[in-house]
Every structure is written in structure tokens, then in C-alpha cells.
């Protein structure tokens, strides 16, 4: 089959470059025709991938990297029938976790793609972000959109190249805890408005952020809903005490925690950059809506997503 393989533009050397090479080699060995797409920047790569998908009618687009590359694929393919394959080699890989895909094993990921291509299609929901600013356009996300302590931590973690995975996120959490204060929000949830002070607000399509922090452990990415998490204003000491439960996904019964299924959320907050799939979106306000069955994905038969689409 004809495959387009988009490689993270930061994969210039070392382990990331080796992983991309291993994935491409495996896909070719499995009998696929592979065209590799790369670029000096994320924006350039988006343009090249969009043009290639439109011009070449591939059987699938494969992205090699982390959640940011999954977001790239989702934004190119949303609303089409072209499936997305994921070779998860990034720092977080939270979308791959939700889909039950191999992590940092490019050969195994290539085999999953190969075996899933001729199988029945699997569709997942996406979150759609709209911003009020002129020319901001629409952005799609597959994992989670964060606007709170988690977004601030994301911004901090993105400035570091070490350590990898959950450890980087954990260190960023500890760094930001020293100065963080509750934030005032206006939320419009499925048309109902409220004002609240909170530590953390996330609108999630998947189960985890930050390399496995299970903020919405019961989320399903194909149930036609997003999971809204709000952690109410608490002291820093209480937030510190809550962190192990947030990482383990056992925080859902905490009195400061609220999780609900939603279809749309408008987030209004001053002076905060919103993040989606670990990447900066821009300042609030943002309108977030679920779009059911917006993206076709290639995944193993046994995965953590809902069985509704199997």
C-alpha cells in the first residue's frame, strides 16, 4: 500500500532519528511503498503533508513522533477517510497509550499499522478548538486541551530536553508548585455558564497527559463526548498531596475533583496560554467541541478504547 510517513522535524539526530529510520525500514520490508515527508519546522511539515495527502491519495498517513505529531496528523486528516498510523517515539505518547499502541518500539508499531490496514476501520472522536482572535482558525486535538496548572506545567516541560517521559513532567510540576495560585475561570459547559476558581482545567478526549498522568481515567475516545476535569482551588499542600492520585488515576473521588462528560466547553481565563496535545494553542478564550468519529486510526485489535467500534 502507499504510505506517507511524516517525521518529527526535531528528530534530527540520536534516538529520534534512529526510530524514524527503523519505522520506515520496517514498513518497506512489510511490502509498502513509503514516501518520507520531513521539514525544517512544524509549519513547513504541515504544508508538505497536507499537499501530499491531497495530491497522492495515500492508503494511510503515518506520523513518527509524540503527541504533537499525532496532532499534526489529526489536523490534516480530520473529516477524511484516510487513516492515521502512529509510531510513538515522543516524550508523552498519551494518545498512543489511549489507543493501546506500542511505545518507543518502531518495529512493533510498524507491524500494527501493517496488520490494521486491511482490517475494518476504527474511528475516534476529536476535539475541535475555535478561538475568537481574527485568523486564529480551527485546531483539532486527539488527546487533551489544558488551561490551568497543567498548561503551565506543559509550558515549563517544553523548555527542557531532559529527562524524557513522565519524569520531565513530574519535575515541571514540582517547579511550578512553588509559585502557583488558583486561577479564575468562566466556563460555559454545554450552554450553561459558571464562574469558578480552580487549579486545573482540562478537556480530555483520552485518559492521560504528561506521559501517563491519568487525569481522566474513564475517558473513551470514541464515545461522542469529551471529559471535563476541574480541580477546585486548594492549598499547595493539598495539591501536592493529590499529585500521586492524579498520576495513578485514583483522584476521581477527591472532593476537590469534578469530572463530567460534555459535548462543548468555552473556557475564558485571563493571561494564560492554552495547550492541546502538549503544544501551545494560544491565549484564551477558546471554544472546545467534540466531533464524533472525526478521525480514522490504525490500532491493534485489542486496545484501551471503547469496544463500540470493534
Protein backbone atom coordinates (compact mmCIF):
# COMPACT_ATOMS: atom_id res chain seq x y z
CA UNK A 1 0.00 0.00 0.00
CA UNK A 2 1.01 3.63 -0.50
CA UNK A 3 2.04 5.24 2.78
CA UNK A 4 3.10 8.76 3.61
CA UNK A 5 5.40 8.89 6.63
CA UNK A 6 5.76 12.25 8.37
CA UNK A 7 8.77 12.59 10.66
CA UNK A 8 9.02 14.99 13.58
CA UNK A 9 11.13 17.97 12.45
CA UNK A 10 13.04 17.87 15.75
CA UNK A 11 14.15 14.29 15.01
CA UNK A 12 17.49 15.46 13.67
CA UNK A 13 19.81 13.10 15.47
CA UNK A 14 20.14 10.40 18.06
CA UNK A 15 17.32 8.14 19.20
CA UNK A 16 14.55 10.04 17.42
CA UNK A 17 16.25 9.78 14.06
CA UNK A 18 17.00 6.09 14.58
CA UNK A 19 13.37 5.40 15.50
CA UNK A 20 12.10 7.10 12.36
CA UNK A 21 14.57 5.15 10.21
CA UNK A 22 13.59 1.87 11.88
CA UNK A 23 9.89 2.50 11.28
CA UNK A 24 10.41 3.31 7.61
CA UNK A 25 12.67 0.28 7.12
CA UNK A 26 10.08 -2.00 8.73
CA UNK A 27 7.21 -0.66 6.64
CA UNK A 28 9.19 -1.14 3.43
CA UNK A 29 10.16 -4.67 4.49
CA UNK A 30 6.46 -5.41 5.04
CA UNK A 31 5.82 -4.57 1.39
CA UNK A 32 4.58 -0.99 1.50
CA UNK A 33 5.55 1.87 -0.74
CA UNK A 34 6.78 4.62 1.55
CA UNK A 35 7.25 8.32 0.90
CA UNK A 36 9.00 10.13 3.75
CA UNK A 37 8.00 13.70 4.48
CA UNK A 38 10.12 15.98 6.64
CA UNK A 39 10.75 19.66 7.05
CA UNK A 40 12.80 22.21 8.96
CA UNK A 41 9.80 23.30 11.04
CA UNK A 42 6.39 22.10 12.16
CA UNK A 43 4.62 24.65 9.94
CA UNK A 44 6.57 23.58 6.86
CA UNK A 45 5.87 19.94 7.58
CA UNK A 46 2.13 20.62 7.95
CA UNK A 47 2.10 22.24 4.50
CA UNK A 48 4.05 19.38 2.92
CA UNK A 49 1.88 16.69 4.49
CA UNK A 50 -1.35 18.47 3.56
CA UNK A 51 -0.23 18.82 -0.05
CA UNK A 52 0.95 15.22 -0.28
CA UNK A 53 -2.30 13.83 1.13
CA UNK A 54 -4.32 15.88 -1.36
CA UNK A 55 -2.14 15.04 -4.36
CA UNK A 56 -1.17 11.40 -3.79
CA UNK A 57 -4.31 9.83 -2.28
CA UNK A 58 -2.33 7.61 0.12
CA UNK A 59 -3.70 4.50 1.78
CA UNK A 60 -2.57 5.95 5.12
CA UNK A 61 -0.60 8.73 6.74
CA UNK A 62 1.89 7.57 9.36
CA UNK A 63 3.32 10.02 11.88
CA UNK A 64 6.56 9.33 13.75
CA UNK A 65 6.97 11.23 17.00
CA UNK A 66 4.93 12.20 20.04
CA UNK A 67 1.53 13.72 20.67
CA UNK A 68 2.44 16.85 18.71
CA UNK A 69 2.88 14.73 15.59
CA UNK A 70 -0.43 12.98 16.26
CA UNK A 71 -2.00 16.43 16.42
CA UNK A 72 -0.42 17.25 13.05
CA UNK A 73 -1.93 14.11 11.55
CA UNK A 74 -5.32 14.82 13.08
CA UNK A 75 -5.38 18.34 11.68
CA UNK A 76 -4.53 17.12 8.20
CA UNK A 77 -6.90 14.13 8.16
CA UNK A 78 -9.91 15.26 10.22
CA UNK A 79 -13.08 14.64 8.25
CA UNK A 80 -11.39 12.44 5.63
CA UNK A 81 -11.34 8.66 5.21
CA UNK A 82 -7.53 8.43 5.14
CA UNK A 83 -6.40 6.53 8.27
CA UNK A 84 -3.70 7.70 10.64
CA UNK A 85 -0.94 5.37 11.79
CA UNK A 86 1.16 6.29 14.82
CA UNK A 87 4.76 5.37 15.58
CA UNK A 88 5.01 6.69 19.13
CA UNK A 89 8.58 7.82 19.78
CA UNK A 90 7.98 11.07 21.66
CA UNK A 91 8.13 12.19 25.27
CA UNK A 92 4.46 11.92 26.23
CA UNK A 93 2.81 9.48 23.79
CA UNK A 94 -0.51 9.82 25.62
CA UNK A 95 -2.70 9.33 22.53
CA UNK A 96 -0.81 6.13 21.73
CA UNK A 97 -1.46 4.96 25.29
CA UNK A 98 -5.18 5.55 24.91
CA UNK A 99 -5.19 3.59 21.65
CA UNK A 100 -3.16 0.70 23.07
CA UNK A 101 -0.25 1.24 20.67
CA UNK A 102 3.39 0.23 21.20
CA UNK A 103 5.53 2.90 22.85
CA UNK A 104 9.08 3.64 21.64
CA UNK A 105 9.13 0.42 19.63
CA UNK A 106 9.06 1.46 15.95
CA UNK A 107 9.21 -2.08 14.58
CA UNK A 108 6.20 -3.17 16.66
CA UNK A 109 4.31 -0.02 15.69
CA UNK A 110 5.00 -0.68 12.01
CA UNK A 111 3.61 -4.20 12.39
CA UNK A 112 0.42 -2.84 13.99
CA UNK A 113 -0.02 -0.47 11.04
CA UNK A 114 0.59 -3.29 8.56
CA UNK A 115 -1.94 -5.60 10.22
CA UNK A 116 -4.58 -2.90 10.71
CA UNK A 117 -4.55 -1.52 7.16
CA UNK A 118 -6.68 -4.28 5.58
CA UNK A 119 -8.93 -4.58 8.63
CA UNK A 120 -12.21 -2.85 9.46
CA UNK A 121 -11.96 0.91 10.01
CA UNK A 122 -11.81 2.31 13.52
CA UNK A 123 -12.95 5.86 14.13
CA UNK A 124 -12.13 8.10 17.06
CA UNK A 125 -13.58 11.40 18.18
CA UNK A 126 -11.58 14.62 18.07
CA UNK A 127 -11.78 17.85 19.99
CA UNK A 128 -12.15 20.99 17.89
CA UNK A 129 -10.76 24.26 19.25
CA UNK A 130 -12.04 27.60 17.93
CA UNK A 131 -10.58 30.92 19.05
CA UNK A 132 -12.08 34.39 18.97
CA UNK A 133 -8.96 36.05 17.61
CA UNK A 134 -9.09 37.06 13.95
CA UNK A 135 -7.39 34.49 11.74
CA UNK A 136 -6.91 32.00 14.56
CA UNK A 137 -8.80 29.32 12.65
CA UNK A 138 -9.68 25.87 13.97
CA UNK A 139 -7.34 23.41 15.65
CA UNK A 140 -8.08 19.73 16.25
CA UNK A 141 -6.74 17.69 19.16
CA UNK A 142 -6.74 13.96 19.84
CA UNK A 143 -5.66 13.83 23.48
CA UNK A 144 -6.42 16.77 25.76
CA UNK A 145 -6.73 20.54 25.88
CA UNK A 146 -5.34 22.09 29.07
CA UNK A 147 -5.97 25.52 30.58
CA UNK A 148 -4.63 25.69 34.12
CA UNK A 149 -1.80 24.34 36.24
CA UNK A 150 -1.40 21.54 33.70
CA UNK A 151 -0.93 24.05 30.87
CA UNK A 152 1.66 25.99 32.88
CA UNK A 153 3.49 22.74 33.62
CA UNK A 154 3.38 21.86 29.92
CA UNK A 155 4.96 25.18 29.04
CA UNK A 156 7.73 24.58 31.57
CA UNK A 157 8.34 20.98 30.46
CA UNK A 158 8.58 22.03 26.82
CA UNK A 159 11.60 24.20 27.63
CA UNK A 160 13.57 21.15 28.81
CA UNK A 161 15.13 18.42 26.71
CA UNK A 162 15.84 16.15 29.69
CA UNK A 163 14.63 13.98 31.32
CA UNK A 164 12.26 12.15 28.98
CA UNK A 165 8.74 10.92 29.59
CA UNK A 166 6.85 11.23 32.86
CA UNK A 167 9.95 12.32 34.81
CA UNK A 168 10.18 15.58 32.86
CA UNK A 169 6.53 16.35 33.57
CA UNK A 170 6.94 15.46 37.26
CA UNK A 171 9.91 17.81 37.65
CA UNK A 172 7.99 20.59 35.91
CA UNK A 173 5.09 20.03 38.32
CA UNK A 174 7.40 20.42 41.31
CA UNK A 175 8.99 23.54 39.82
CA UNK A 176 5.68 25.32 39.22
CA UNK A 177 4.06 24.32 42.52
CA UNK A 178 6.26 26.80 44.36
CA UNK A 179 4.58 29.83 42.76
CA UNK A 180 1.19 28.64 41.51
CA UNK A 181 -2.06 30.24 42.69
CA UNK A 182 -5.69 29.36 41.89
CA UNK A 183 -6.98 30.82 38.63
CA UNK A 184 -10.35 32.45 37.99
CA UNK A 185 -12.36 30.97 35.11
CA UNK A 186 -15.62 31.49 33.34
CA UNK A 187 -16.76 28.19 31.86
CA UNK A 188 -19.71 27.62 29.55
CA UNK A 189 -20.43 23.89 29.70
CA UNK A 190 -22.95 22.60 27.16
CA UNK A 191 -24.53 26.06 27.18
CA UNK A 192 -24.58 26.55 30.96
CA UNK A 193 -22.27 29.29 32.30
CA UNK A 194 -20.45 29.34 35.63
CA UNK A 195 -17.55 31.16 37.26
CA UNK A 196 -15.07 29.27 39.40
CA UNK A 197 -11.60 29.39 40.90
CA UNK A 198 -9.61 26.29 40.02
CA UNK A 199 -6.15 24.81 39.98
CA UNK A 200 -6.55 22.73 36.86
CA UNK A 201 -8.97 22.62 33.94
CA UNK A 202 -8.61 20.02 31.20
CA UNK A 203 -10.93 18.95 28.42
CA UNK A 204 -9.84 15.45 27.51
CA UNK A 205 -10.53 13.00 24.72
CA UNK A 206 -8.07 10.47 26.11
CA UNK A 207 -7.10 9.23 29.53
CA UNK A 208 -3.74 10.79 30.29
CA UNK A 209 -1.44 13.75 29.82
CA UNK A 210 2.22 14.35 30.55
CA UNK A 211 3.44 10.87 29.70
CA UNK A 212 0.87 8.85 31.65
CA UNK A 213 -0.72 11.18 34.23
CA UNK A 214 -4.21 9.65 34.30
CA UNK A 215 -6.30 12.77 34.73
CA UNK A 216 -9.48 11.28 33.20
CA UNK A 217 -9.04 7.53 33.71
CA UNK A 218 -12.50 6.60 32.43
CA UNK A 219 -12.37 8.64 29.23
CA UNK A 220 -13.15 6.92 25.94
CA UNK A 221 -12.04 8.47 22.69
CA UNK A 222 -14.97 7.10 20.70
CA UNK A 223 -17.99 7.75 22.95
CA UNK A 224 -19.09 11.04 21.38
CA UNK A 225 -18.08 13.06 24.44
CA UNK A 226 -15.14 14.86 25.97
CA UNK A 227 -14.27 14.52 29.66
CA UNK A 228 -14.05 17.82 31.55
CA UNK A 229 -11.77 17.79 34.59
CA UNK A 230 -11.88 20.66 37.08
CA UNK A 231 -9.75 20.64 40.22
CA UNK A 232 -11.15 23.32 42.53
CA UNK A 233 -9.00 25.81 44.40
CA UNK A 234 -6.98 24.10 47.12
CA UNK A 235 -3.82 24.92 49.04
CA UNK A 236 -0.47 24.00 47.54
CA UNK A 237 -0.03 21.38 50.26
CA UNK A 238 -3.33 19.74 49.34
CA UNK A 239 -2.43 19.84 45.66
CA UNK A 240 0.94 18.25 46.42
CA UNK A 241 -0.84 15.53 48.40
CA UNK A 242 -3.21 14.99 45.48
CA UNK A 243 -0.50 14.59 42.83
CA UNK A 244 0.20 10.86 43.35
CA UNK A 245 -3.52 10.21 42.93
CA UNK A 246 -3.60 12.30 39.75
CA UNK A 247 -0.76 10.28 38.26
CA UNK A 248 -2.38 6.99 39.28
CA UNK A 249 -5.91 7.96 38.24
CA UNK A 250 -7.32 7.46 41.74
CA UNK A 251 -8.19 11.12 42.32
CA UNK A 252 -11.73 10.90 40.95
CA UNK A 253 -13.32 10.58 44.41
CA UNK A 254 -11.44 13.57 45.88
CA UNK A 255 -13.86 16.32 47.00
CA UNK A 256 -11.96 18.97 45.01
CA UNK A 257 -12.18 16.97 41.78
CA UNK A 258 -15.02 17.14 39.28
CA UNK A 259 -15.17 15.09 36.08
CA UNK A 260 -18.12 15.12 33.72
CA UNK A 261 -18.96 14.09 30.18
CA UNK A 262 -19.51 17.10 27.93
CA UNK A 263 -20.00 17.97 24.29
CA UNK A 264 -18.81 21.57 24.40
CA UNK A 265 -16.88 23.86 26.74
CA UNK A 266 -16.00 27.50 26.39
CA UNK A 267 -13.01 28.46 28.54
CA UNK A 268 -12.47 32.11 29.44
CA UNK A 269 -9.40 32.94 31.54
CA UNK A 270 -7.03 35.88 31.55
CA UNK A 271 -3.30 35.72 30.93
CA UNK A 272 -2.99 32.00 30.24
CA UNK A 273 -1.79 30.11 27.18
CA UNK A 274 -3.94 27.11 26.32
CA UNK A 275 -2.20 23.86 25.36
CA UNK A 276 -3.51 20.93 23.32
CA UNK A 277 -1.71 17.59 22.92
CA UNK A 278 1.27 19.15 24.67
CA UNK A 279 1.57 22.01 22.16
CA UNK A 280 0.70 25.70 22.66
CA UNK A 281 -2.57 26.83 21.09
CA UNK A 282 -2.62 30.48 22.13
CA UNK A 283 -4.41 32.65 24.65
CA UNK A 284 -7.96 32.06 25.85
CA UNK A 285 -10.85 32.36 25.32
CA UNK A 286 -11.33 29.11 23.43
CA UNK A 287 -14.39 27.17 22.36
CA UNK A 288 -13.93 23.40 22.53
CA UNK A 289 -16.37 20.97 20.88
CA UNK A 290 -16.35 17.23 20.37
CA UNK A 291 -16.67 15.97 16.80
CA UNK A 292 -17.61 12.28 16.89
CA UNK A 293 -15.91 9.85 14.52
CA UNK A 294 -13.74 12.59 13.04
CA UNK A 295 -10.54 10.59 12.55
CA UNK A 296 -9.86 7.09 11.28
CA UNK A 297 -6.96 5.46 13.15
CA UNK A 298 -4.93 2.29 12.75
CA UNK A 299 -4.74 0.37 16.02
CA UNK A 300 -4.36 -3.17 17.30
CA UNK A 301 -7.46 -5.32 17.66
CA UNK A 302 -7.02 -5.25 21.45
CA UNK A 303 -6.74 -1.67 22.69
CA UNK A 304 -7.89 0.52 25.54
CA UNK A 305 -10.54 2.34 23.55
CA UNK A 306 -14.23 1.54 23.69
CA UNK A 307 -15.33 -1.76 22.22
CA UNK A 308 -18.19 0.03 20.48
CA UNK A 309 -16.21 0.32 17.23
CA UNK A 310 -14.67 -3.15 17.20
